Amino acid sequence: MISNLACILSHCDNNEKLIALENNIKTLKECGFDVLLSSHIPLGEKITSSVNYFIYDKSNPILHFPEKALLYWKSILIDDIFTSLDELLPDYGFTPFNQVKKIGAFCKELEYDNFTFINYDIKITPNMVEEFSNIKGNIVSKVKWKKDHNEYSPNLLLFSFSKQDFYKISSSINRKDYISHTNFSISGESPPPEAYLKYLLKDIEYKVFEEVVDDSFEFNLIKSTHLWDFNTENNYFSLFFDKSFIILYGLVKNIKFNIDGEDIMINKNTKLKKPMTSFSYYDSNNKLVNINHLLITDRPTAISY
C-alpha cells in the first residue's frame, strides 16, 4: 500500500463533474492509492462506496459582503468619460480550506505518511502518479493562468504534506486569517485564495512539482454574460445600476424607453437617474415591455469614475 492518502476536494453539482470525479477515483485506486473524498453535497452510493473514506459536510462557508467579497469592474465610455461598473461578488475561496481543516480533524488517527490533496477534476498524469507514489516531504503545484500565460505557485489544485506538517497546517486554518490575507489591497486588487495557502506555508519547507497542473472545468462565480449586465432577457441592450443611477449601454439599435411615464429615445451609452416607479422599453412591435423586475438584485453594485 502507498502510504500517501489521496484526498479529493469536491463539489460536483452536475453529471459532467460527477463523471470527472468517478474517473479520477478509478485512476487513483488503480494506481494503488487509498482515497478520501470530501463533499459539501450528497453523493450516490456508487461513488461513496468506491473510496476508503467519505466525508459529507454540509458546511460550505461562502463569504459575502460586508465580511468579504471579490471586486469585479468594467469600464465603459459615456460622453467621453470612463465610467466603472463595480460589482462585489461572493468569495468562495475559503471553502477548500474549510474542507482541508475538516479532513485534518478526521485523519488524526490514520496511519499515513503523507496526505495529498487534489481537486476532483484535476488531470492526473503519469508523472504525477510517479511523484506522489514515492513522495517524501511536502510538494505544491503550479498552474498557468490563461489570462496572462504566467505560471503561479502554490496552487489549490494539487498539494501534498507530510503527516506532521499537514496537522500543523490544517489546525491553523482560520476564517479571519483567510480574510485578512486575501482582502483588498490599496490598488483595489483582491489576492487569490492561494495567497492564504502561501501564508500557511511560510514556515514549511516544500518543493514545487515540475509539471504545470490543469483541471477539466473552469470555475465561474456567475455566468460571465451576466456580469455587469442585469438584462438577462434579451441582447437589445445591457443594463447596470446602483442605488441612484442606471446605465444603458451596448445598444444594438435605437431603443425607446419609458422611464417613470416619460418616453426617451436612447442610441448610445447613457447614464440616467434610477426610475422611481416604472421602467419599460418598446419592442420591435412598438409594444411596451415592463422591466421593473430587472432592477431587483441582492448583488452589491456601484457606479464610479
C-alpha atoms as a PDB file:
ATOM      1  CA  MET A   1       0.000   0.000   0.000  1.00  0.00           C
ATOM      2  CA  ILE A   2       1.191   3.515  -0.808  1.00  0.00           C
ATOM      3  CA  SER A   3       1.430   5.433   2.475  1.00  0.00           C
ATOM      4  CA  ASN A   4       0.020   8.576   0.883  1.00  0.00           C
ATOM      5  CA  LEU A   5      -3.706   9.216   1.237  1.00  0.00           C
ATOM      6  CA  ALA A   6      -5.238  10.908  -1.821  1.00  0.00           C
ATOM      7  CA  CYS A   7      -7.761  13.440  -0.501  1.00  0.00           C
ATOM      8  CA  ILE A   8     -10.226  14.674  -3.124  1.00  0.00           C
ATOM      9  CA  LEU A   9     -11.940  18.035  -2.604  1.00  0.00           C
ATOM     10  CA  SER A  10     -15.233  18.116  -4.478  1.00  0.00           C
ATOM     11  CA  HIS A  11     -18.436  19.986  -5.158  1.00  0.00           C
ATOM     12  CA  CYS A  12     -19.924  18.023  -8.049  1.00  0.00           C
ATOM     13  CA  ASP A  13     -23.318  19.530  -8.814  1.00  0.00           C
ATOM     14  CA  ASN A  14     -23.834  18.180 -12.336  1.00  0.00           C
ATOM     15  CA  ASN A  15     -23.335  14.971 -14.269  1.00  0.00           C
ATOM     16  CA  GLU A  16     -20.178  16.103 -16.100  1.00  0.00           C
ATOM     17  CA  LYS A  17     -18.429  16.845 -12.820  1.00  0.00           C
ATOM     18  CA  LEU A  18     -19.555  13.515 -11.351  1.00  0.00           C
ATOM     19  CA  ILE A  19     -18.055  11.653 -14.332  1.00  0.00           C
ATOM     20  CA  ALA A  20     -14.748  13.515 -13.871  1.00  0.00           C
ATOM     21  CA  LEU A  21     -14.782  12.612 -10.168  1.00  0.00           C
ATOM     22  CA  GLU A  22     -15.533   8.934 -10.862  1.00  0.00           C
ATOM     23  CA  ASN A  23     -12.726   8.743 -13.423  1.00  0.00           C
ATOM     24  CA  ASN A  24     -10.184  10.244 -11.038  1.00  0.00           C
ATOM     25  CA  ILE A  25     -11.209   7.922  -8.207  1.00  0.00           C
ATOM     26  CA  LYS A  26     -10.812   4.958 -10.559  1.00  0.00           C
ATOM     27  CA  THR A  27      -7.382   6.163 -11.704  1.00  0.00           C
ATOM     28  CA  LEU A  28      -6.120   6.699  -8.163  1.00  0.00           C
ATOM     29  CA  LYS A  29      -7.365   3.310  -6.967  1.00  0.00           C
ATOM     30  CA  GLU A  30      -5.817   1.534  -9.954  1.00  0.00           C
ATOM     31  CA  CYS A  31      -2.506   3.240  -9.136  1.00  0.00           C
ATOM     32  CA  GLY A  32      -2.582   1.893  -5.580  1.00  0.00           C
ATOM     33  CA  PHE A  33      -3.733   4.948  -3.617  1.00  0.00           C
ATOM     34  CA  ASP A  34      -6.218   4.897  -0.777  1.00  0.00           C
ATOM     35  CA  VAL A  35      -8.761   7.650  -1.384  1.00  0.00           C
ATOM     36  CA  LEU A  36     -10.601  10.029   0.914  1.00  0.00           C
ATOM     37  CA  LEU A  37     -13.434  12.008  -0.683  1.00  0.00           C
ATOM     38  CA  SER A  38     -14.876  15.199   0.805  1.00  0.00           C
ATOM     39  CA  SER A  39     -18.086  16.804  -0.459  1.00  0.00           C
ATOM     40  CA  HIS A  40     -20.457  19.601   0.544  1.00  0.00           C
ATOM     41  CA  ILE A  41     -23.335  17.890  -1.248  1.00  0.00           C
ATOM     42  CA  PRO A  42     -24.693  14.304  -1.078  1.00  0.00           C
ATOM     43  CA  LEU A  43     -23.184  11.777  -3.473  1.00  0.00           C
ATOM     44  CA  GLY A  44     -24.536   8.434  -4.659  1.00  0.00           C
ATOM     45  CA  GLU A  45     -23.552   5.087  -3.163  1.00  0.00           C
ATOM     46  CA  LYS A  46     -21.700   4.110  -6.332  1.00  0.00           C
ATOM     47  CA  ILE A  47     -19.189   6.887  -5.682  1.00  0.00           C
ATOM     48  CA  THR A  48     -19.025   6.773  -1.880  1.00  0.00           C
ATOM     49  CA  SER A  49     -18.527   3.002  -1.827  1.00  0.00           C
ATOM     50  CA  SER A  50     -15.621   3.290  -4.268  1.00  0.00           C
ATOM     51  CA  VAL A  51     -13.434   5.254  -1.813  1.00  0.00           C
ATOM     52  CA  ASN A  52     -11.853   4.309   1.502  1.00  0.00           C
ATOM     53  CA  TYR A  53     -13.212   7.298   3.414  1.00  0.00           C
ATOM     54  CA  PHE A  54     -16.039   9.709   2.690  1.00  0.00           C
ATOM     55  CA  ILE A  55     -16.696  12.990   4.499  1.00  0.00           C
ATOM     56  CA  TYR A  56     -20.056  14.618   3.837  1.00  0.00           C
ATOM     57  CA  ASP A  57     -20.111  18.060   5.398  1.00  0.00           C
ATOM     58  CA  LYS A  58     -22.927  20.468   4.609  1.00  0.00           C
ATOM     59  CA  SER A  59     -20.944  23.483   5.777  1.00  0.00           C
ATOM     60  CA  ASN A  60     -19.815  25.422   2.730  1.00  0.00           C
ATOM     61  CA  PRO A  61     -18.703  28.811   4.053  1.00  0.00           C
ATOM     62  CA  ILE A  62     -19.197  31.210   1.153  1.00  0.00           C
ATOM     63  CA  LEU A  63     -18.217  34.698   2.291  1.00  0.00           C
ATOM     64  CA  HIS A  64     -20.472  37.627   1.459  1.00  0.00           C
ATOM     65  CA  PHE A  65     -20.143  41.389   1.659  1.00  0.00           C
ATOM     66  CA  PRO A  66     -19.519  43.096   4.057  1.00  0.00           C
ATOM     67  CA  GLU A  67     -17.490  40.269   5.644  1.00  0.00           C
ATOM     68  CA  LYS A  68     -15.604  39.533   2.406  1.00  0.00           C
ATOM     69  CA  ALA A  69     -16.221  39.920  -1.295  1.00  0.00           C
ATOM     70  CA  LEU A  70     -14.472  39.976  -4.648  1.00  0.00           C
ATOM     71  CA  LEU A  71     -14.454  43.217  -6.637  1.00  0.00           C
ATOM     72  CA  TYR A  72     -15.147  42.942 -10.360  1.00  0.00           C
ATOM     73  CA  TRP A  73     -15.243  46.031 -12.526  1.00  0.00           C
ATOM     74  CA  LYS A  74     -15.742  47.025 -16.137  1.00  0.00           C
ATOM     75  CA  SER A  75     -15.062  50.411 -17.722  1.00  0.00           C
ATOM     76  CA  ILE A  76     -17.282  51.865 -20.423  1.00  0.00           C
ATOM     77  CA  LEU A  77     -17.235  55.249 -22.133  1.00  0.00           C
ATOM     78  CA  ILE A  78     -20.155  57.614 -21.532  1.00  0.00           C
ATOM     79  CA  ASP A  79     -19.887  61.057 -23.162  1.00  0.00           C
ATOM     80  CA  ASP A  80     -16.082  60.798 -23.284  1.00  0.00           C
ATOM     81  CA  ILE A  81     -15.886  59.871 -19.582  1.00  0.00           C
ATOM     82  CA  PHE A  82     -14.716  56.433 -18.491  1.00  0.00           C
ATOM     83  CA  THR A  83     -17.281  55.035 -16.098  1.00  0.00           C
ATOM     84  CA  SER A  84     -16.638  51.993 -13.916  1.00  0.00           C
ATOM     85  CA  LEU A  85     -19.313  49.368 -13.299  1.00  0.00           C
ATOM     86  CA  ASP A  86     -18.401  47.779  -9.960  1.00  0.00           C
ATOM     87  CA  GLU A  87     -19.773  44.531  -8.538  1.00  0.00           C
ATOM     88  CA  LEU A  88     -18.992  42.769  -5.281  1.00  0.00           C
ATOM     89  CA  LEU A  89     -19.426  39.025  -5.677  1.00  0.00           C
ATOM     90  CA  PRO A  90     -19.257  36.292  -3.018  1.00  0.00           C
ATOM     91  CA  ASP A  91     -15.880  34.826  -2.134  1.00  0.00           C
ATOM     92  CA  TYR A  92     -15.773  31.027  -2.481  1.00  0.00           C
ATOM     93  CA  GLY A  93     -12.058  30.827  -1.725  1.00  0.00           C
ATOM     94  CA  PHE A  94     -12.332  29.684   1.886  1.00  0.00           C
ATOM     95  CA  THR A  95     -14.409  26.595   1.031  1.00  0.00           C
ATOM     96  CA  PRO A  96     -11.441  24.331   0.090  1.00  0.00           C
ATOM     97  CA  PHE A  97      -9.570  25.422   3.216  1.00  0.00           C
ATOM     98  CA  ASN A  98     -12.618  24.521   5.281  1.00  0.00           C
ATOM     99  CA  GLN A  99     -12.577  21.053   3.696  1.00  0.00           C
ATOM    100  CA  VAL A 100      -8.855  20.664   4.423  1.00  0.00           C
ATOM    101  CA  LYS A 101      -9.435  21.618   8.059  1.00  0.00           C
ATOM    102  CA  LYS A 102     -12.261  19.068   8.419  1.00  0.00           C
ATOM    103  CA  ILE A 103     -10.115  16.385   6.769  1.00  0.00           C
ATOM    104  CA  GLY A 104      -7.280  17.179   9.174  1.00  0.00           C
ATOM    105  CA  ALA A 105      -9.560  16.631  12.166  1.00  0.00           C
ATOM    106  CA  PHE A 106     -10.825  13.352  10.681  1.00  0.00           C
ATOM    107  CA  CYS A 107      -7.420  11.936   9.800  1.00  0.00           C
ATOM    108  CA  LYS A 108      -5.580  12.350  13.089  1.00  0.00           C
ATOM    109  CA  GLU A 109      -5.774   8.651  13.913  1.00  0.00           C
ATOM    110  CA  LEU A 110      -4.964   7.438  10.387  1.00  0.00           C
ATOM    111  CA  GLU A 111      -1.532   5.951   9.724  1.00  0.00           C
ATOM    112  CA  TYR A 112      -0.365   7.605   6.512  1.00  0.00           C
ATOM    113  CA  ASP A 113       2.971   9.322   5.986  1.00  0.00           C
ATOM    114  CA  ASN A 114       1.592  11.902   3.529  1.00  0.00           C
ATOM    115  CA  PHE A 115      -1.710  13.478   2.599  1.00  0.00           C
ATOM    116  CA  THR A 116      -2.120  14.628  -0.988  1.00  0.00           C
ATOM    117  CA  PHE A 117      -4.964  16.961  -1.898  1.00  0.00           C
ATOM    118  CA  ILE A 118      -6.383  17.169  -5.385  1.00  0.00           C
ATOM    119  CA  ASN A 119      -9.347  18.900  -6.913  1.00  0.00           C
ATOM    120  CA  TYR A 120     -11.964  16.436  -8.200  1.00  0.00           C
ATOM    121  CA  ASP A 121     -11.369  17.368 -11.866  1.00  0.00           C
ATOM    122  CA  ILE A 122      -7.594  17.582 -11.950  1.00  0.00           C
ATOM    123  CA  LYS A 123      -5.963  15.976 -14.982  1.00  0.00           C
ATOM    124  CA  ILE A 124      -3.890  13.177 -13.489  1.00  0.00           C
ATOM    125  CA  THR A 125      -0.673  12.446 -15.425  1.00  0.00           C
ATOM    126  CA  PRO A 126       1.848   9.538 -15.267  1.00  0.00           C
ATOM    127  CA  ASN A 127       4.498  11.889 -13.848  1.00  0.00           C
ATOM    128  CA  MET A 128       2.072  12.953 -11.152  1.00  0.00           C
ATOM    129  CA  VAL A 129       1.358   9.353 -10.159  1.00  0.00           C
ATOM    130  CA  GLU A 130       5.070   8.509 -10.045  1.00  0.00           C
ATOM    131  CA  GLU A 131       5.937  11.597  -7.993  1.00  0.00           C
ATOM    132  CA  PHE A 132       3.242  11.068  -5.379  1.00  0.00           C
ATOM    133  CA  SER A 133       3.699   7.294  -5.161  1.00  0.00           C
ATOM    134  CA  ASN A 134       7.209   7.835  -3.831  1.00  0.00           C
ATOM    135  CA  ILE A 135       6.762  11.135  -2.080  1.00  0.00           C
ATOM    136  CA  LYS A 136       8.960  12.379   0.723  1.00  0.00           C
ATOM    137  CA  GLY A 137       8.193  15.742   2.267  1.00  0.00           C
ATOM    138  CA  ASN A 138       5.923  18.496   1.005  1.00  0.00           C
ATOM    139  CA  ILE A 139       5.030  19.351  -2.590  1.00  0.00           C
ATOM    140  CA  VAL A 140       2.913  22.141  -4.076  1.00  0.00           C
ATOM    141  CA  SER A 141       1.803  22.645  -7.654  1.00  0.00           C
ATOM    142  CA  LYS A 142       1.942  25.390 -10.247  1.00  0.00           C
ATOM    143  CA  VAL A 143      -0.648  26.456 -12.818  1.00  0.00           C
ATOM    144  CA  LYS A 144      -0.553  28.641 -15.901  1.00  0.00           C
ATOM    145  CA  TRP A 145      -3.192  31.363 -15.916  1.00  0.00           C
ATOM    146  CA  LYS A 146      -4.981  31.730 -19.223  1.00  0.00           C
ATOM    147  CA  LYS A 147      -5.299  35.495 -18.874  1.00  0.00           C
ATOM    148  CA  ASP A 148      -1.546  36.168 -18.860  1.00  0.00           C
ATOM    149  CA  HIS A 149       0.060  32.741 -19.528  1.00  0.00           C
ATOM    150  CA  ASN A 150       2.294  33.141 -16.467  1.00  0.00           C
ATOM    151  CA  GLU A 151       2.942  30.308 -14.014  1.00  0.00           C
ATOM    152  CA  TYR A 152       1.781  30.655 -10.413  1.00  0.00           C
ATOM    153  CA  SER A 153       2.591  28.615  -7.329  1.00  0.00           C
ATOM    154  CA  PRO A 154       1.443  27.385  -4.845  1.00  0.00           C
ATOM    155  CA  ASN A 155      -1.943  26.354  -6.146  1.00  0.00           C
ATOM    156  CA  LEU A 156      -5.004  24.689  -4.664  1.00  0.00           C
ATOM    157  CA  LEU A 157      -5.444  22.143  -7.468  1.00  0.00           C
ATOM    158  CA  LEU A 158      -2.739  19.893  -6.044  1.00  0.00           C
ATOM    159  CA  PHE A 159      -0.588  19.886  -2.924  1.00  0.00           C
ATOM    160  CA  SER A 160       0.835  17.276  -0.566  1.00  0.00           C
ATOM    161  CA  PHE A 161       2.063  17.460   3.025  1.00  0.00           C
ATOM    162  CA  SER A 162       3.839  15.118   5.382  1.00  0.00           C
ATOM    163  CA  LYS A 163       1.743  13.945   8.294  1.00  0.00           C
ATOM    164  CA  GLN A 164       3.301  16.288  10.831  1.00  0.00           C
ATOM    165  CA  ASP A 165       3.145  19.365   8.602  1.00  0.00           C
ATOM    166  CA  PHE A 166      -0.395  18.540   7.467  1.00  0.00           C
ATOM    167  CA  TYR A 167      -1.721  18.531  11.026  1.00  0.00           C
ATOM    168  CA  LYS A 168       0.153  21.743  11.780  1.00  0.00           C
ATOM    169  CA  ILE A 169      -1.291  23.482   8.705  1.00  0.00           C
ATOM    170  CA  SER A 170      -4.863  22.157   8.959  1.00  0.00           C
ATOM    171  CA  SER A 171      -5.166  23.075  12.645  1.00  0.00           C
ATOM    172  CA  SER A 172      -4.022  26.640  11.923  1.00  0.00           C
ATOM    173  CA  ILE A 173      -6.620  27.315   9.207  1.00  0.00           C
ATOM    174  CA  ASN A 174      -8.796  30.190  10.377  1.00  0.00           C
ATOM    175  CA  ARG A 175     -11.585  32.110   8.682  1.00  0.00           C
ATOM    176  CA  LYS A 176     -10.458  35.520   9.990  1.00  0.00           C
ATOM    177  CA  ASP A 177      -6.874  34.860   8.901  1.00  0.00           C
ATOM    178  CA  TYR A 178      -8.088  33.908   5.434  1.00  0.00           C
ATOM    179  CA  ILE A 179      -9.984  37.197   5.144  1.00  0.00           C
ATOM    180  CA  SER A 180      -7.044  39.290   6.333  1.00  0.00           C
ATOM    181  CA  HIS A 181      -4.630  37.660   3.856  1.00  0.00           C
ATOM    182  CA  THR A 182      -6.937  37.860   0.833  1.00  0.00           C
ATOM    183  CA  ASN A 183      -8.536  41.248   1.394  1.00  0.00           C
ATOM    184  CA  PHE A 184      -8.452  44.198  -0.986  1.00  0.00           C
ATOM    185  CA  SER A 185      -5.085  45.828  -1.475  1.00  0.00           C
ATOM    186  CA  ILE A 186      -4.540  49.549  -1.911  1.00  0.00           C
ATOM    187  CA  SER A 187      -4.774  49.099  -5.697  1.00  0.00           C
ATOM    188  CA  GLY A 188      -8.239  47.566  -5.350  1.00  0.00           C
ATOM    189  CA  GLU A 189      -6.983  44.097  -6.302  1.00  0.00           C
ATOM    190  CA  SER A 190      -8.134  41.139  -4.249  1.00  0.00           C
ATOM    191  CA  PRO A 191      -5.411  38.481  -3.816  1.00  0.00           C
ATOM    192  CA  PRO A 192      -6.467  34.974  -4.831  1.00  0.00           C
ATOM    193  CA  PRO A 193      -7.147  32.218  -2.242  1.00  0.00           C
ATOM    194  CA  GLU A 194      -3.668  30.864  -2.990  1.00  0.00           C
ATOM    195  CA  ALA A 195      -2.279  33.876  -1.119  1.00  0.00           C
ATOM    196  CA  TYR A 196      -3.613  32.283   2.056  1.00  0.00           C
ATOM    197  CA  LEU A 197      -2.059  28.933   1.166  1.00  0.00           C
ATOM    198  CA  LYS A 198       1.274  30.695   0.725  1.00  0.00           C
ATOM    199  CA  TYR A 199       0.829  32.291   4.149  1.00  0.00           C
ATOM    200  CA  LEU A 200       0.106  28.892   5.738  1.00  0.00           C
ATOM    201  CA  LEU A 201       3.341  27.576   4.209  1.00  0.00           C
ATOM    202  CA  LYS A 202       5.511  30.435   5.462  1.00  0.00           C
ATOM    203  CA  ASP A 203       7.393  28.219   7.946  1.00  0.00           C
ATOM    204  CA  ILE A 204       7.145  24.983   5.937  1.00  0.00           C
ATOM    205  CA  GLU A 205       9.778  23.600   3.582  1.00  0.00           C
ATOM    206  CA  TYR A 206       8.397  22.372   0.255  1.00  0.00           C
ATOM    207  CA  LYS A 207       9.263  21.860  -3.378  1.00  0.00           C
ATOM    208  CA  VAL A 208       7.229  22.689  -6.490  1.00  0.00           C
ATOM    209  CA  PHE A 209       6.018  19.847  -8.698  1.00  0.00           C
ATOM    210  CA  GLU A 210       7.779  20.225 -12.060  1.00  0.00           C
ATOM    211  CA  GLU A 211       4.696  19.873 -14.294  1.00  0.00           C
ATOM    212  CA  VAL A 212       2.084  22.570 -14.775  1.00  0.00           C
ATOM    213  CA  VAL A 213      -1.180  21.079 -13.491  1.00  0.00           C
ATOM    214  CA  ASP A 214      -4.527  21.577 -15.156  1.00  0.00           C
ATOM    215  CA  ASP A 215      -8.178  20.868 -14.445  1.00  0.00           C
ATOM    216  CA  SER A 216     -11.147  19.980 -16.639  1.00  0.00           C
ATOM    217  CA  PHE A 217     -13.664  22.643 -15.645  1.00  0.00           C
ATOM    218  CA  GLU A 218     -13.328  26.378 -15.267  1.00  0.00           C
ATOM    219  CA  PHE A 219     -14.893  27.796 -12.123  1.00  0.00           C
ATOM    220  CA  ASN A 220     -17.213  30.758 -12.702  1.00  0.00           C
ATOM    221  CA  LEU A 221     -18.768  32.740  -9.889  1.00  0.00           C
ATOM    222  CA  ILE A 222     -21.582  33.730 -12.183  1.00  0.00           C
ATOM    223  CA  LYS A 223     -22.276  33.453 -15.892  1.00  0.00           C
ATOM    224  CA  SER A 224     -19.860  35.920 -17.417  1.00  0.00           C
ATOM    225  CA  THR A 225     -22.556  37.226 -19.750  1.00  0.00           C
ATOM    226  CA  HIS A 226     -24.462  38.453 -16.688  1.00  0.00           C
ATOM    227  CA  LEU A 227     -21.564  40.225 -15.056  1.00  0.00           C
ATOM    228  CA  TRP A 228     -22.176  43.964 -15.264  1.00  0.00           C
ATOM    229  CA  ASP A 229     -25.416  43.304 -17.141  1.00  0.00           C
ATOM    230  CA  PHE A 230     -28.768  42.784 -15.427  1.00  0.00           C
ATOM    231  CA  ASN A 231     -30.665  42.442 -18.693  1.00  0.00           C
ATOM    232  CA  THR A 232     -30.973  38.662 -18.716  1.00  0.00           C
ATOM    233  CA  GLU A 233     -33.912  38.621 -21.147  1.00  0.00           C
ATOM    234  CA  ASN A 234     -32.549  39.800 -24.498  1.00  0.00           C
ATOM    235  CA  ASN A 235     -29.488  41.225 -26.258  1.00  0.00           C
ATOM    236  CA  TYR A 236     -31.019  44.544 -27.296  1.00  0.00           C
ATOM    237  CA  PHE A 237     -29.146  46.443 -24.589  1.00  0.00           C
ATOM    238  CA  SER A 238     -27.066  45.955 -21.466  1.00  0.00           C
ATOM    239  CA  LEU A 239     -28.221  47.286 -18.109  1.00  0.00           C
ATOM    240  CA  PHE A 240     -26.311  48.183 -14.964  1.00  0.00           C
ATOM    241  CA  PHE A 241     -27.427  50.115 -11.898  1.00  0.00           C
ATOM    242  CA  ASP A 242     -26.672  51.062  -8.332  1.00  0.00           C
ATOM    243  CA  LYS A 243     -28.809  52.754  -5.678  1.00  0.00           C
ATOM    244  CA  SER A 244     -29.048  56.052  -7.549  1.00  0.00           C
ATOM    245  CA  PHE A 245     -28.462  55.558 -11.269  1.00  0.00           C
ATOM    246  CA  ILE A 246     -28.932  53.191 -14.187  1.00  0.00           C
ATOM    247  CA  ILE A 247     -26.611  52.785 -17.134  1.00  0.00           C
ATOM    248  CA  LEU A 248     -27.840  51.591 -20.519  1.00  0.00           C
ATOM    249  CA  TYR A 249     -25.051  50.549 -22.879  1.00  0.00           C
ATOM    250  CA  GLY A 250     -24.207  48.263 -25.768  1.00  0.00           C
ATOM    251  CA  LEU A 251     -27.453  49.065 -27.604  1.00  0.00           C
ATOM    252  CA  VAL A 252     -27.824  47.159 -30.876  1.00  0.00           C
ATOM    253  CA  LYS A 253     -30.151  49.851 -32.260  1.00  0.00           C
ATOM    254  CA  ASN A 254     -32.107  52.938 -31.250  1.00  0.00           C
ATOM    255  CA  ILE A 255     -34.445  51.922 -28.431  1.00  0.00           C
ATOM    256  CA  LYS A 256     -37.277  53.910 -26.936  1.00  0.00           C
ATOM    257  CA  PHE A 257     -37.558  53.554 -23.172  1.00  0.00           C
ATOM    258  CA  ASN A 258     -40.330  54.717 -20.875  1.00  0.00           C
ATOM    259  CA  ILE A 259     -38.987  55.829 -17.513  1.00  0.00           C
ATOM    260  CA  ASP A 260     -41.458  56.968 -14.872  1.00  0.00           C
ATOM    261  CA  GLY A 261     -44.009  57.679 -17.625  1.00  0.00           C
ATOM    262  CA  GLU A 262     -41.672  59.624 -19.922  1.00  0.00           C
ATOM    263  CA  ASP A 263     -40.580  58.285 -23.327  1.00  0.00           C
ATOM    264  CA  ILE A 264     -36.835  58.596 -24.010  1.00  0.00           C
ATOM    265  CA  MET A 265     -35.078  57.525 -27.231  1.00  0.00           C
ATOM    266  CA  ILE A 266     -31.591  56.161 -26.489  1.00  0.00           C
ATOM    267  CA  ASN A 267     -28.951  55.292 -29.092  1.00  0.00           C
ATOM    268  CA  LYS A 268     -25.682  55.393 -27.128  1.00  0.00           C
ATOM    269  CA  ASN A 269     -24.221  54.595 -23.721  1.00  0.00           C
ATOM    270  CA  THR A 270     -26.322  56.592 -21.287  1.00  0.00           C
ATOM    271  CA  LYS A 271     -26.492  57.246 -17.553  1.00  0.00           C
ATOM    272  CA  LEU A 272     -29.880  58.151 -16.045  1.00  0.00           C
ATOM    273  CA  LYS A 273     -31.391  58.591 -12.620  1.00  0.00           C
ATOM    274  CA  LYS A 274     -32.796  55.322 -11.347  1.00  0.00           C
ATOM    275  CA  PRO A 275     -36.541  55.042 -12.090  1.00  0.00           C
ATOM    276  CA  MET A 276     -38.788  55.728  -9.132  1.00  0.00           C
ATOM    277  CA  THR A 277     -41.952  53.913 -10.268  1.00  0.00           C
ATOM    278  CA  SER A 278     -41.741  52.351 -13.741  1.00  0.00           C
ATOM    279  CA  PHE A 279     -39.088  51.154 -16.184  1.00  0.00           C
ATOM    280  CA  SER A 280     -40.077  49.861 -19.641  1.00  0.00           C
ATOM    281  CA  TYR A 281     -38.982  49.765 -23.271  1.00  0.00           C
ATOM    282  CA  TYR A 282     -40.770  49.465 -26.621  1.00  0.00           C
ATOM    283  CA  ASP A 283     -40.104  46.243 -28.514  1.00  0.00           C
ATOM    284  CA  SER A 284     -39.923  45.816 -32.317  1.00  0.00           C
ATOM    285  CA  ASN A 285     -43.743  45.775 -32.470  1.00  0.00           C
ATOM    286  CA  ASN A 286     -43.908  49.028 -30.511  1.00  0.00           C
ATOM    287  CA  LYS A 287     -45.317  47.118 -27.553  1.00  0.00           C
ATOM    288  CA  LEU A 288     -44.400  48.495 -24.137  1.00  0.00           C
ATOM    289  CA  VAL A 289     -42.498  45.869 -22.124  1.00  0.00           C
ATOM    290  CA  ASN A 290     -42.246  46.392 -18.372  1.00  0.00           C
ATOM    291  CA  ILE A 291     -38.810  45.531 -16.960  1.00  0.00           C
ATOM    292  CA  ASN A 292     -39.090  46.819 -13.382  1.00  0.00           C
ATOM    293  CA  HIS A 293     -38.037  43.360 -12.192  1.00  0.00           C
ATOM    294  CA  LEU A 294     -34.606  43.761 -13.794  1.00  0.00           C
ATOM    295  CA  LEU A 295     -33.816  46.449 -11.205  1.00  0.00           C
ATOM    296  CA  ILE A 296     -34.038  43.978  -8.316  1.00  0.00           C
ATOM    297  CA  THR A 297     -30.837  42.353  -7.076  1.00  0.00           C
ATOM    298  CA  ASP A 298     -29.047  41.377  -3.896  1.00  0.00           C
ATOM    299  CA  ARG A 299     -25.640  41.866  -5.525  1.00  0.00           C
ATOM    300  CA  PRO A 300     -23.822  44.963  -4.172  1.00  0.00           C
ATOM    301  CA  THR A 301     -23.112  47.350  -7.054  1.00  0.00           C
ATOM    302  CA  ALA A 302     -21.658  50.813  -7.566  1.00  0.00           C
ATOM    303  CA  ILE A 303     -21.023  53.235 -10.409  1.00  0.00           C
ATOM    304  CA  SER A 304     -17.750  55.133 -10.110  1.00  0.00           C
ATOM    305  CA  TYR A 305     -15.368  57.242 -12.202  1.00  0.00           C
END
